[in-house]
């Protein structure tokens, strides 16, 4: 298995909310030896957290909808249904972010967290990785518009029966990877969560 990478140069191509680095590199090849120098761009996004808020008593999930520029640029409907998510800031743990983002985005706490998965969003071009949790939530009255005004957030909150949300898998209601992975993870862990979150 190849394991050698030689970074020849690295420069910052863009330095805004997102950061783009341009690398010249060589990497070992499966046939042996180092390959030729190549240029690759990488979007520096860091680590993030996603939470699927689940109410085991009512068997409902709390979801959000918000505007996404990437969907607009791709020619897709830009108001996307999603789960709670946010970046990990310096000094924060993944659990800290899960609790903070739940309050910011759905206006209610998650009082228990269960780790479901960890994955890279798109290792072909970005450093972003996601830690995915299920978060126990009381879904009663989960509706309204939330988000941080100074961040330009305008987030609609709603809840649906878990069976209904899981039925969206494979349809155009689920059009981003984190939402899809969250629903699939809930499907795999739902009965276990209902059992361990009884109290």
N, C-alpha and C. Protein backbone atom coordinates (compact mmCIF):
# COMPACT_ATOMS: atom_id res chain seq x y z
N UNK A 1 0.84 -1.19 0.00
CA UNK A 1 0.00 0.00 0.00
C UNK A 1 0.88 1.25 0.00
N UNK A 2 0.68 2.16 -0.96
CA UNK A 2 1.48 3.40 -0.97
C UNK A 2 1.26 4.20 0.31
N UNK A 3 2.35 4.83 0.79
CA UNK A 3 2.19 5.65 2.00
C UNK A 3 3.07 6.90 2.00
N UNK A 4 3.79 7.15 0.92
CA UNK A 4 4.70 8.29 0.88
C UNK A 4 4.11 9.45 0.09
N UNK A 5 4.15 10.64 0.69
CA UNK A 5 3.71 11.87 0.02
C UNK A 5 4.79 12.92 0.25
N UNK A 6 5.17 13.62 -0.81
CA UNK A 6 6.17 14.68 -0.72
C UNK A 6 5.51 16.00 -1.13
N UNK A 7 5.38 16.93 -0.19
CA UNK A 7 4.83 18.26 -0.48
C UNK A 7 5.95 19.13 -1.02
N UNK A 8 5.81 19.56 -2.26
CA UNK A 8 6.83 20.39 -2.90
C UNK A 8 6.62 21.87 -2.59
N UNK A 9 5.37 22.30 -2.55
CA UNK A 9 5.06 23.69 -2.19
C UNK A 9 3.60 23.78 -1.77
N UNK A 10 3.31 24.83 -1.01
CA UNK A 10 1.94 25.07 -0.55
C UNK A 10 1.76 26.57 -0.43
N UNK A 11 0.70 27.08 -1.04
CA UNK A 11 0.42 28.51 -0.94
C UNK A 11 -1.08 28.72 -0.72
N UNK A 12 -1.40 29.81 -0.07
CA UNK A 12 -2.80 30.16 0.19
C UNK A 12 -3.35 30.86 -1.04
N UNK A 13 -4.36 30.27 -1.67
CA UNK A 13 -4.97 30.84 -2.86
C UNK A 13 -6.11 31.78 -2.54
N UNK A 14 -6.78 31.54 -1.41
CA UNK A 14 -7.88 32.40 -0.98
C UNK A 14 -7.97 32.30 0.53
N UNK A 15 -8.24 33.45 1.19
CA UNK A 15 -8.24 33.47 2.65
C UNK A 15 -9.44 34.25 3.15
N UNK A 16 -10.62 33.64 3.05
CA UNK A 16 -11.85 34.24 3.55
C UNK A 16 -12.46 33.35 4.62
N UNK A 17 -13.80 33.32 4.68
CA UNK A 17 -14.48 32.42 5.62
C UNK A 17 -14.01 30.99 5.36
N UNK A 18 -13.92 30.63 4.07
CA UNK A 18 -13.27 29.39 3.66
C UNK A 18 -11.88 29.73 3.17
N UNK A 19 -10.98 28.77 3.29
CA UNK A 19 -9.60 28.99 2.88
C UNK A 19 -9.23 27.94 1.84
N UNK A 20 -8.59 28.39 0.76
CA UNK A 20 -8.20 27.50 -0.32
C UNK A 20 -6.68 27.47 -0.43
N UNK A 21 -6.10 26.30 -0.29
CA UNK A 21 -4.66 26.13 -0.45
C UNK A 21 -4.37 25.41 -1.77
N UNK A 22 -3.26 25.78 -2.40
CA UNK A 22 -2.82 25.16 -3.64
C UNK A 22 -1.50 24.45 -3.35
N UNK A 23 -1.48 23.14 -3.59
CA UNK A 23 -0.30 22.33 -3.27
C UNK A 23 0.30 21.74 -4.54
N UNK A 24 1.63 21.75 -4.59
CA UNK A 24 2.38 20.96 -5.56
C UNK A 24 2.93 19.77 -4.77
N UNK A 25 2.69 18.55 -5.28
CA UNK A 25 3.10 17.38 -4.51
C UNK A 25 3.39 16.20 -5.42
N UNK A 26 4.03 15.21 -4.83
CA UNK A 26 4.20 13.91 -5.45
C UNK A 26 3.75 12.87 -4.44
N UNK A 27 3.16 11.77 -4.94
CA UNK A 27 2.81 10.69 -4.02
C UNK A 27 3.21 9.34 -4.61
N UNK A 28 3.48 8.41 -3.72
CA UNK A 28 3.85 7.06 -4.12
C UNK A 28 2.69 6.43 -4.89
N UNK A 29 3.03 5.58 -5.86
CA UNK A 29 2.00 4.96 -6.70
C UNK A 29 1.87 3.48 -6.39
N UNK A 30 0.73 2.91 -6.75
CA UNK A 30 0.47 1.50 -6.47
C UNK A 30 1.48 0.59 -7.17
N UNK A 31 1.96 0.99 -8.35
CA UNK A 31 2.93 0.18 -9.09
C UNK A 31 4.35 0.34 -8.54
N UNK A 32 4.52 1.26 -7.58
CA UNK A 32 5.83 1.50 -6.99
C UNK A 32 6.44 2.80 -7.49
N UNK A 33 7.29 3.38 -6.69
CA UNK A 33 7.95 4.62 -7.05
C UNK A 33 7.04 5.82 -6.87
N UNK A 34 7.66 6.99 -6.98
CA UNK A 34 6.91 8.24 -6.83
C UNK A 34 6.34 8.66 -8.18
N UNK A 35 5.13 9.18 -8.16
CA UNK A 35 4.51 9.70 -9.37
C UNK A 35 5.07 11.06 -9.71
N UNK A 36 4.65 11.62 -10.84
CA UNK A 36 5.13 12.94 -11.25
C UNK A 36 4.55 14.03 -10.35
N UNK A 37 5.15 15.21 -10.34
CA UNK A 37 4.56 16.32 -9.58
C UNK A 37 3.17 16.66 -10.12
N UNK A 38 2.24 16.89 -9.21
CA UNK A 38 0.88 17.28 -9.56
C UNK A 38 0.46 18.46 -8.71
N UNK A 39 -0.53 19.20 -9.20
CA UNK A 39 -1.07 20.33 -8.43
C UNK A 39 -2.47 19.97 -7.97
N UNK A 40 -2.76 20.25 -6.71
CA UNK A 40 -4.08 19.99 -6.15
C UNK A 40 -4.51 21.18 -5.31
N UNK A 41 -5.79 21.51 -5.38
CA UNK A 41 -6.38 22.55 -4.54
C UNK A 41 -7.15 21.87 -3.42
N UNK A 42 -7.04 22.42 -2.21
CA UNK A 42 -7.77 21.85 -1.08
C UNK A 42 -8.46 22.97 -0.32
N UNK A 43 -9.74 22.78 -0.07
CA UNK A 43 -10.54 23.72 0.69
C UNK A 43 -10.38 23.39 2.17
N UNK A 44 -9.80 24.32 2.92
CA UNK A 44 -9.55 24.10 4.35
C UNK A 44 -10.82 24.45 5.13
N UNK A 45 -11.56 23.43 5.57
CA UNK A 45 -12.81 23.64 6.29
C UNK A 45 -12.75 23.15 7.73
N UNK A 46 -11.76 22.33 8.07
CA UNK A 46 -11.63 21.88 9.45
C UNK A 46 -12.67 20.84 9.84
N UNK A 47 -12.96 20.79 11.13
CA UNK A 47 -13.85 19.77 11.67
C UNK A 47 -15.20 20.39 12.02
N UNK A 48 -16.24 19.58 11.85
CA UNK A 48 -17.60 20.04 12.15
C UNK A 48 -18.36 18.92 12.85
N UNK A 49 -19.53 19.27 13.32
CA UNK A 49 -20.40 18.35 14.04
C UNK A 49 -21.78 18.42 13.41
N UNK A 50 -22.45 17.28 13.33
CA UNK A 50 -23.85 17.23 12.92
C UNK A 50 -24.61 16.43 13.97
N UNK A 51 -25.86 16.82 14.20
CA UNK A 51 -26.71 16.16 15.19
C UNK A 51 -28.08 15.92 14.57
N UNK A 52 -28.56 14.68 14.63
CA UNK A 52 -29.95 14.43 14.27
C UNK A 52 -30.75 14.41 15.58
N UNK A 53 -31.55 15.45 15.82
CA UNK A 53 -32.33 15.52 17.06
C UNK A 53 -33.49 14.52 17.00
N UNK A 54 -33.50 13.59 17.95
CA UNK A 54 -34.48 12.50 17.94
C UNK A 54 -35.20 12.46 19.27
N UNK A 55 -36.52 12.38 19.20
CA UNK A 55 -37.38 12.26 20.39
C UNK A 55 -37.82 10.81 20.49
N UNK A 56 -37.23 10.02 21.40
CA UNK A 56 -37.56 8.60 21.47
C UNK A 56 -38.95 8.33 22.03
N UNK A 57 -39.50 9.26 22.80
CA UNK A 57 -40.84 9.07 23.34
C UNK A 57 -41.89 9.22 22.25
N UNK A 58 -41.77 10.28 21.46
CA UNK A 58 -42.74 10.53 20.38
C UNK A 58 -42.33 9.86 19.08
N UNK A 59 -41.11 9.33 19.02
CA UNK A 59 -40.55 8.73 17.80
C UNK A 59 -40.60 9.72 16.64
N UNK A 60 -40.06 10.93 16.90
CA UNK A 60 -40.04 12.00 15.91
C UNK A 60 -38.63 12.57 15.80
N UNK A 61 -38.33 13.15 14.66
CA UNK A 61 -37.07 13.87 14.47
C UNK A 61 -37.37 15.34 14.27
N UNK A 62 -36.47 16.18 14.76
CA UNK A 62 -36.57 17.62 14.58
C UNK A 62 -35.57 18.00 13.49
N UNK A 63 -36.07 18.65 12.45
CA UNK A 63 -35.25 18.98 11.29
C UNK A 63 -35.27 20.48 11.03
N UNK A 64 -34.38 20.91 10.16
CA UNK A 64 -34.31 22.33 9.81
C UNK A 64 -34.30 22.49 8.30
N UNK A 65 -34.66 23.68 7.86
CA UNK A 65 -34.49 24.09 6.47
C UNK A 65 -33.78 25.43 6.46
N UNK A 66 -32.81 25.57 5.53
CA UNK A 66 -32.13 26.85 5.38
C UNK A 66 -31.56 26.98 3.98
N UNK A 67 -31.24 28.21 3.62
CA UNK A 67 -30.69 28.53 2.30
C UNK A 67 -29.24 28.08 2.22
N UNK A 68 -28.87 27.45 1.09
CA UNK A 68 -27.49 26.99 0.89
C UNK A 68 -26.98 27.45 -0.48
N UNK A 69 -25.92 28.25 -0.46
CA UNK A 69 -25.36 28.81 -1.69
C UNK A 69 -24.84 27.73 -2.63
N UNK A 70 -24.28 26.66 -2.09
CA UNK A 70 -23.76 25.58 -2.94
C UNK A 70 -24.84 24.93 -3.76
N UNK A 71 -26.02 24.75 -3.16
CA UNK A 71 -27.14 24.17 -3.90
C UNK A 71 -27.58 25.11 -5.01
N UNK A 72 -27.65 26.40 -4.70
CA UNK A 72 -28.03 27.39 -5.72
C UNK A 72 -27.05 27.35 -6.89
N UNK A 73 -25.75 27.36 -6.57
CA UNK A 73 -24.72 27.35 -7.62
C UNK A 73 -24.76 26.08 -8.45
N UNK A 74 -25.23 24.98 -7.85
CA UNK A 74 -25.32 23.70 -8.57
C UNK A 74 -26.63 23.55 -9.34
N UNK A 75 -27.49 24.58 -9.28
CA UNK A 75 -28.75 24.52 -10.00
C UNK A 75 -29.82 23.71 -9.30
N UNK A 76 -29.66 23.53 -7.99
CA UNK A 76 -30.65 22.77 -7.20
C UNK A 76 -31.45 23.74 -6.34
N UNK A 77 -32.61 23.29 -5.84
CA UNK A 77 -33.36 24.15 -4.92
C UNK A 77 -32.49 24.51 -3.71
N UNK A 78 -32.31 25.81 -3.42
CA UNK A 78 -31.34 26.19 -2.40
C UNK A 78 -31.84 26.11 -0.96
N UNK A 79 -33.15 25.94 -0.72
CA UNK A 79 -33.62 25.76 0.65
C UNK A 79 -33.64 24.27 0.94
N UNK A 80 -32.66 23.84 1.73
CA UNK A 80 -32.45 22.42 1.93
C UNK A 80 -32.90 21.98 3.32
N UNK A 81 -33.46 20.76 3.37
CA UNK A 81 -33.78 20.13 4.64
C UNK A 81 -32.52 19.47 5.16
N UNK A 82 -32.24 19.70 6.45
CA UNK A 82 -30.97 19.25 7.03
C UNK A 82 -31.15 18.86 8.49
N UNK A 83 -30.05 18.42 9.08
CA UNK A 83 -29.96 18.24 10.53
C UNK A 83 -29.13 19.39 11.09
N UNK A 84 -29.12 19.52 12.39
CA UNK A 84 -28.33 20.54 13.08
C UNK A 84 -26.84 20.30 12.78
N UNK A 85 -26.09 21.37 12.53
CA UNK A 85 -24.66 21.20 12.25
C UNK A 85 -23.91 22.51 12.48
N UNK A 86 -22.61 22.39 12.73
CA UNK A 86 -21.77 23.57 12.89
C UNK A 86 -20.31 23.20 13.03
N UNK A 87 -19.47 24.19 12.82
CA UNK A 87 -18.02 24.00 12.92
C UNK A 87 -17.56 23.92 14.37
N UNK A 88 -16.48 23.19 14.57
CA UNK A 88 -15.83 23.15 15.87
C UNK A 88 -14.85 24.32 15.95
N UNK A 89 -15.07 25.22 16.91
CA UNK A 89 -14.17 26.35 17.12
C UNK A 89 -13.03 25.94 18.05
N UNK A 90 -11.91 26.68 18.01
CA UNK A 90 -10.80 26.36 18.91
C UNK A 90 -11.26 26.29 20.36
N UNK A 91 -10.81 25.25 21.06
CA UNK A 91 -11.16 25.09 22.47
C UNK A 91 -12.45 24.34 22.71
N UNK A 92 -13.20 24.03 21.67
CA UNK A 92 -14.47 23.31 21.82
C UNK A 92 -14.28 21.82 21.54
N UNK A 93 -15.10 21.02 22.19
CA UNK A 93 -15.19 19.60 21.86
C UNK A 93 -16.36 19.41 20.90
N UNK A 94 -16.43 18.23 20.29
CA UNK A 94 -17.55 17.93 19.41
C UNK A 94 -18.87 17.99 20.18
N UNK A 95 -18.87 17.50 21.42
CA UNK A 95 -20.09 17.56 22.23
C UNK A 95 -20.49 18.99 22.54
N UNK A 96 -19.51 19.86 22.82
CA UNK A 96 -19.82 21.28 23.05
C UNK A 96 -20.57 21.87 21.86
N UNK A 97 -20.07 21.58 20.67
CA UNK A 97 -20.68 22.13 19.45
C UNK A 97 -22.08 21.57 19.25
N UNK A 98 -22.26 20.29 19.51
CA UNK A 98 -23.58 19.68 19.37
C UNK A 98 -24.60 20.41 20.24
N UNK A 99 -24.25 20.66 21.49
CA UNK A 99 -25.16 21.36 22.40
C UNK A 99 -25.38 22.81 21.98
N UNK A 100 -24.31 23.50 21.61
CA UNK A 100 -24.42 24.90 21.20
C UNK A 100 -25.27 25.05 19.95
N UNK A 101 -24.99 24.24 18.94
CA UNK A 101 -25.72 24.36 17.68
C UNK A 101 -27.19 23.99 17.82
N UNK A 102 -27.50 23.04 18.68
CA UNK A 102 -28.91 22.70 18.90
C UNK A 102 -29.67 23.90 19.43
N UNK A 103 -29.10 24.60 20.40
CA UNK A 103 -29.77 25.78 20.94
C UNK A 103 -29.89 26.88 19.90
N UNK A 104 -28.84 27.08 19.10
CA UNK A 104 -28.86 28.14 18.09
C UNK A 104 -29.82 27.83 16.95
N UNK A 105 -29.86 26.58 16.51
CA UNK A 105 -30.59 26.26 15.28
C UNK A 105 -32.00 25.75 15.50
N UNK A 106 -32.26 25.04 16.61
CA UNK A 106 -33.63 24.55 16.83
C UNK A 106 -34.26 25.13 18.10
N UNK A 107 -33.50 25.92 18.84
CA UNK A 107 -34.05 26.61 20.00
C UNK A 107 -34.39 25.73 21.17
N UNK A 108 -33.78 24.56 21.24
CA UNK A 108 -34.03 23.65 22.37
C UNK A 108 -32.81 22.77 22.59
N UNK A 109 -32.62 22.31 23.81
CA UNK A 109 -31.43 21.51 24.10
C UNK A 109 -31.57 20.06 23.67
N UNK A 110 -30.43 19.44 23.43
CA UNK A 110 -30.36 17.98 23.35
C UNK A 110 -29.73 17.55 24.68
N UNK A 111 -30.43 16.70 25.42
CA UNK A 111 -29.94 16.38 26.77
C UNK A 111 -29.09 15.12 26.84
N UNK A 112 -29.07 14.35 25.76
CA UNK A 112 -28.18 13.19 25.67
C UNK A 112 -27.62 13.14 24.26
N UNK A 113 -26.40 12.67 24.12
CA UNK A 113 -25.78 12.51 22.81
C UNK A 113 -25.29 11.08 22.66
N UNK A 114 -25.42 10.56 21.46
CA UNK A 114 -24.90 9.24 21.13
C UNK A 114 -24.13 9.34 19.82
N UNK A 115 -22.86 8.98 19.85
CA UNK A 115 -22.03 9.05 18.65
C UNK A 115 -22.51 8.01 17.64
N UNK A 116 -22.76 8.46 16.40
CA UNK A 116 -23.22 7.57 15.35
C UNK A 116 -22.15 7.29 14.30
N UNK A 117 -21.36 8.31 13.92
CA UNK A 117 -20.40 8.12 12.84
C UNK A 117 -19.41 9.26 12.80
N UNK A 118 -18.32 9.04 12.10
CA UNK A 118 -17.36 10.08 11.79
C UNK A 118 -16.90 9.87 10.36
N UNK A 119 -16.84 10.92 9.56
CA UNK A 119 -16.49 10.75 8.15
C UNK A 119 -15.98 12.05 7.55
N UNK A 120 -15.26 11.92 6.45
CA UNK A 120 -14.81 13.09 5.68
C UNK A 120 -15.90 13.43 4.67
N UNK A 121 -16.13 14.71 4.47
CA UNK A 121 -17.19 15.16 3.57
C UNK A 121 -16.85 14.86 2.12
N UNK A 122 -15.67 15.24 1.67
CA UNK A 122 -15.21 14.98 0.31
C UNK A 122 -13.69 15.07 0.29
N UNK A 123 -13.00 13.96 0.58
CA UNK A 123 -11.54 14.02 0.71
C UNK A 123 -10.82 14.31 -0.60
N UNK A 124 -11.55 14.35 -1.72
CA UNK A 124 -10.92 14.72 -2.99
C UNK A 124 -10.53 16.19 -3.01
N UNK A 125 -11.21 17.02 -2.20
CA UNK A 125 -10.93 18.46 -2.33
C UNK A 125 -11.11 19.27 -1.05
N UNK A 126 -11.48 18.65 0.07
CA UNK A 126 -11.66 19.43 1.29
C UNK A 126 -11.18 18.66 2.51
N UNK A 127 -10.74 19.41 3.52
CA UNK A 127 -10.30 18.80 4.78
C UNK A 127 -11.46 18.54 5.73
N UNK A 128 -12.66 18.99 5.40
CA UNK A 128 -13.78 18.95 6.34
C UNK A 128 -14.14 17.53 6.73
N UNK A 129 -14.25 17.31 8.04
CA UNK A 129 -14.73 16.04 8.57
C UNK A 129 -15.90 16.32 9.50
N UNK A 130 -16.79 15.34 9.60
CA UNK A 130 -18.00 15.47 10.41
C UNK A 130 -18.01 14.41 11.50
N UNK A 131 -18.32 14.83 12.72
CA UNK A 131 -18.66 13.91 13.80
C UNK A 131 -20.18 13.97 13.93
N UNK A 132 -20.83 12.83 13.73
CA UNK A 132 -22.29 12.77 13.71
C UNK A 132 -22.83 12.15 14.99
N UNK A 133 -23.74 12.86 15.63
CA UNK A 133 -24.41 12.39 16.83
C UNK A 133 -25.91 12.27 16.59
N UNK A 134 -26.55 11.41 17.37
CA UNK A 134 -27.98 11.52 17.63
C UNK A 134 -28.09 12.29 18.94
N UNK A 135 -29.04 13.20 19.01
CA UNK A 135 -29.25 13.98 20.23
C UNK A 135 -30.68 13.80 20.71
N UNK A 136 -30.83 13.44 21.99
CA UNK A 136 -32.18 13.27 22.52
C UNK A 136 -32.81 14.64 22.74
N UNK A 137 -34.03 14.80 22.24
CA UNK A 137 -34.70 16.09 22.29
C UNK A 137 -36.18 15.87 22.59
N UNK A 138 -36.81 16.87 23.17
CA UNK A 138 -38.26 16.90 23.33
C UNK A 138 -38.81 17.64 22.12
N UNK A 139 -39.54 16.92 21.27
CA UNK A 139 -39.99 17.51 20.01
C UNK A 139 -41.28 18.30 20.13
N UNK A 140 -41.90 18.31 21.31
CA UNK A 140 -43.17 19.03 21.46
C UNK A 140 -42.98 20.52 21.19
N UNK A 141 -43.77 21.05 20.28
CA UNK A 141 -43.69 22.47 19.96
C UNK A 141 -42.48 22.87 19.16
N UNK A 142 -41.81 21.90 18.54
CA UNK A 142 -40.60 22.21 17.77
C UNK A 142 -40.98 22.80 16.42
N UNK A 143 -41.10 24.11 16.40
CA UNK A 143 -41.39 24.82 15.17
C UNK A 143 -40.99 26.27 15.36
N UNK A 144 -40.87 26.98 14.26
CA UNK A 144 -40.50 28.39 14.32
C UNK A 144 -39.28 28.66 13.47
N UNK A 145 -38.77 29.87 13.60
CA UNK A 145 -37.59 30.29 12.83
C UNK A 145 -36.50 30.69 13.82
N UNK A 146 -35.32 30.12 13.66
CA UNK A 146 -34.21 30.34 14.57
C UNK A 146 -32.95 30.69 13.78
N UNK A 147 -31.81 30.69 14.46
CA UNK A 147 -30.53 31.02 13.83
C UNK A 147 -29.98 32.33 14.37
N UNK A 148 -28.70 32.54 14.12
CA UNK A 148 -28.02 33.75 14.58
C UNK A 148 -28.11 34.83 13.52
N UNK A 149 -28.74 35.95 13.87
CA UNK A 149 -28.92 37.05 12.91
C UNK A 149 -27.59 37.57 12.41
N UNK A 150 -26.60 37.71 13.30
CA UNK A 150 -25.31 38.26 12.87
C UNK A 150 -24.55 37.33 11.94
N UNK A 151 -24.97 36.05 11.85
CA UNK A 151 -24.38 35.12 10.88
C UNK A 151 -25.25 34.98 9.64
N UNK A 152 -26.33 35.76 9.57
CA UNK A 152 -27.21 35.70 8.41
C UNK A 152 -28.05 34.44 8.35
N UNK A 153 -28.24 33.79 9.50
CA UNK A 153 -29.00 32.54 9.52
C UNK A 153 -30.50 32.82 9.57
N UNK A 154 -31.24 32.05 8.81
CA UNK A 154 -32.70 32.11 8.77
C UNK A 154 -33.16 30.66 8.66
N UNK A 155 -33.40 30.02 9.80
CA UNK A 155 -33.56 28.57 9.87
C UNK A 155 -34.97 28.20 10.32
N UNK A 156 -35.68 27.51 9.45
CA UNK A 156 -37.02 27.02 9.79
C UNK A 156 -36.89 25.67 10.49
N UNK A 157 -37.59 25.53 11.61
CA UNK A 157 -37.56 24.30 12.41
C UNK A 157 -38.92 23.62 12.33
N UNK A 158 -38.90 22.29 12.20
CA UNK A 158 -40.14 21.51 12.18
C UNK A 158 -39.82 20.10 12.63
N UNK A 159 -40.84 19.33 12.98
CA UNK A 159 -40.61 17.93 13.34
C UNK A 159 -41.55 17.05 12.54
N UNK A 160 -41.10 15.82 12.30
CA UNK A 160 -41.89 14.83 11.58
C UNK A 160 -41.71 13.48 12.25
N UNK A 161 -42.68 12.57 12.08
CA UNK A 161 -42.48 11.21 12.58
C UNK A 161 -41.22 10.59 11.97
N UNK A 162 -40.50 9.81 12.75
CA UNK A 162 -39.28 9.19 12.26
C UNK A 162 -39.54 8.34 11.02
N UNK A 163 -40.66 7.61 11.00
CA UNK A 163 -40.98 6.79 9.83
C UNK A 163 -41.10 7.64 8.57
N UNK A 164 -41.70 8.81 8.70
CA UNK A 164 -41.84 9.69 7.54
C UNK A 164 -40.48 10.15 7.04
N UNK A 165 -39.63 10.60 7.95
CA UNK A 165 -38.29 11.06 7.56
C UNK A 165 -37.48 9.94 6.92
N UNK A 166 -37.54 8.74 7.50
CA UNK A 166 -36.79 7.62 6.94
C UNK A 166 -37.33 7.24 5.57
N UNK A 167 -38.60 7.48 5.34
CA UNK A 167 -39.19 7.21 4.03
C UNK A 167 -38.69 8.13 2.94
N UNK A 168 -38.05 9.22 3.32
CA UNK A 168 -37.49 10.15 2.32
C UNK A 168 -36.19 9.66 1.72
N UNK A 169 -35.55 8.68 2.35
CA UNK A 169 -34.28 8.17 1.83
C UNK A 169 -34.51 7.67 0.40
N UNK A 170 -33.66 8.10 -0.51
CA UNK A 170 -33.79 7.70 -1.90
C UNK A 170 -34.68 8.61 -2.72
N UNK A 171 -35.19 9.69 -2.09
CA UNK A 171 -36.02 10.66 -2.81
C UNK A 171 -35.30 12.00 -2.86
N UNK A 172 -35.88 12.95 -3.62
CA UNK A 172 -35.24 14.27 -3.70
C UNK A 172 -35.46 15.12 -2.46
N UNK A 173 -36.18 14.60 -1.46
CA UNK A 173 -36.30 15.29 -0.18
C UNK A 173 -34.97 15.27 0.58
N UNK A 174 -34.12 14.32 0.25
CA UNK A 174 -32.82 14.17 0.91
C UNK A 174 -31.75 14.43 -0.15
N UNK A 175 -31.22 15.65 -0.16
CA UNK A 175 -30.33 16.03 -1.26
C UNK A 175 -28.96 16.50 -0.79
N UNK A 176 -28.61 16.23 0.47
CA UNK A 176 -27.23 16.48 0.89
C UNK A 176 -26.73 15.29 1.71
N UNK A 177 -25.43 15.06 1.62
CA UNK A 177 -24.84 13.83 2.16
C UNK A 177 -25.00 13.69 3.66
N UNK A 178 -24.82 14.77 4.42
CA UNK A 178 -24.91 14.65 5.87
C UNK A 178 -26.31 14.28 6.31
N UNK A 179 -27.32 14.86 5.67
CA UNK A 179 -28.70 14.50 6.00
C UNK A 179 -28.95 13.03 5.68
N UNK A 180 -28.47 12.57 4.53
CA UNK A 180 -28.65 11.17 4.14
C UNK A 180 -27.97 10.24 5.14
N UNK A 181 -26.72 10.54 5.50
CA UNK A 181 -25.99 9.69 6.44
C UNK A 181 -26.66 9.71 7.81
N UNK A 182 -27.17 10.87 8.22
CA UNK A 182 -27.86 10.97 9.51
C UNK A 182 -29.11 10.10 9.53
N UNK A 183 -29.90 10.15 8.46
CA UNK A 183 -31.12 9.33 8.40
C UNK A 183 -30.78 7.84 8.38
N UNK A 184 -29.78 7.47 7.58
CA UNK A 184 -29.39 6.06 7.54
C UNK A 184 -28.87 5.59 8.89
N UNK A 185 -28.11 6.44 9.56
CA UNK A 185 -27.60 6.09 10.89
C UNK A 185 -28.73 5.96 11.90
N UNK A 186 -29.74 6.84 11.79
CA UNK A 186 -30.90 6.72 12.67
C UNK A 186 -31.62 5.41 12.41
N UNK A 187 -31.79 5.05 11.14
CA UNK A 187 -32.46 3.79 10.81
C UNK A 187 -31.74 2.61 11.45
N UNK A 188 -30.41 2.64 11.45
CA UNK A 188 -29.63 1.54 12.02
C UNK A 188 -29.66 1.53 13.54
N UNK A 189 -29.85 2.69 14.17
CA UNK A 189 -29.72 2.80 15.63
C UNK A 189 -31.01 3.15 16.36
N UNK A 190 -32.10 3.30 15.65
CA UNK A 190 -33.34 3.81 16.24
C UNK A 190 -33.83 2.98 17.42
N UNK A 191 -33.92 1.68 17.24
CA UNK A 191 -34.44 0.84 18.33
C UNK A 191 -33.50 0.86 19.53
N UNK A 192 -32.20 0.87 19.28
CA UNK A 192 -31.24 0.95 20.38
C UNK A 192 -31.38 2.27 21.12
N UNK A 193 -31.55 3.37 20.39
CA UNK A 193 -31.72 4.67 21.03
C UNK A 193 -32.99 4.71 21.86
N UNK A 194 -34.06 4.14 21.36
CA UNK A 194 -35.31 4.12 22.13
C UNK A 194 -35.14 3.32 23.42
N UNK A 195 -34.31 2.28 23.34
CA UNK A 195 -34.08 1.45 24.52
C UNK A 195 -33.22 2.16 25.55
N UNK A 196 -32.12 2.78 25.11
CA UNK A 196 -31.20 3.38 26.09
C UNK A 196 -31.65 4.76 26.56
N UNK A 197 -32.58 5.39 25.82
CA UNK A 197 -33.05 6.72 26.18
C UNK A 197 -34.46 6.68 26.77
N UNK A 198 -34.84 5.59 27.38
CA UNK A 198 -36.19 5.46 27.94
C UNK A 198 -36.46 6.44 29.07
N UNK A 199 -35.44 6.67 29.93
CA UNK A 199 -35.67 7.49 31.12
C UNK A 199 -35.92 8.95 30.78
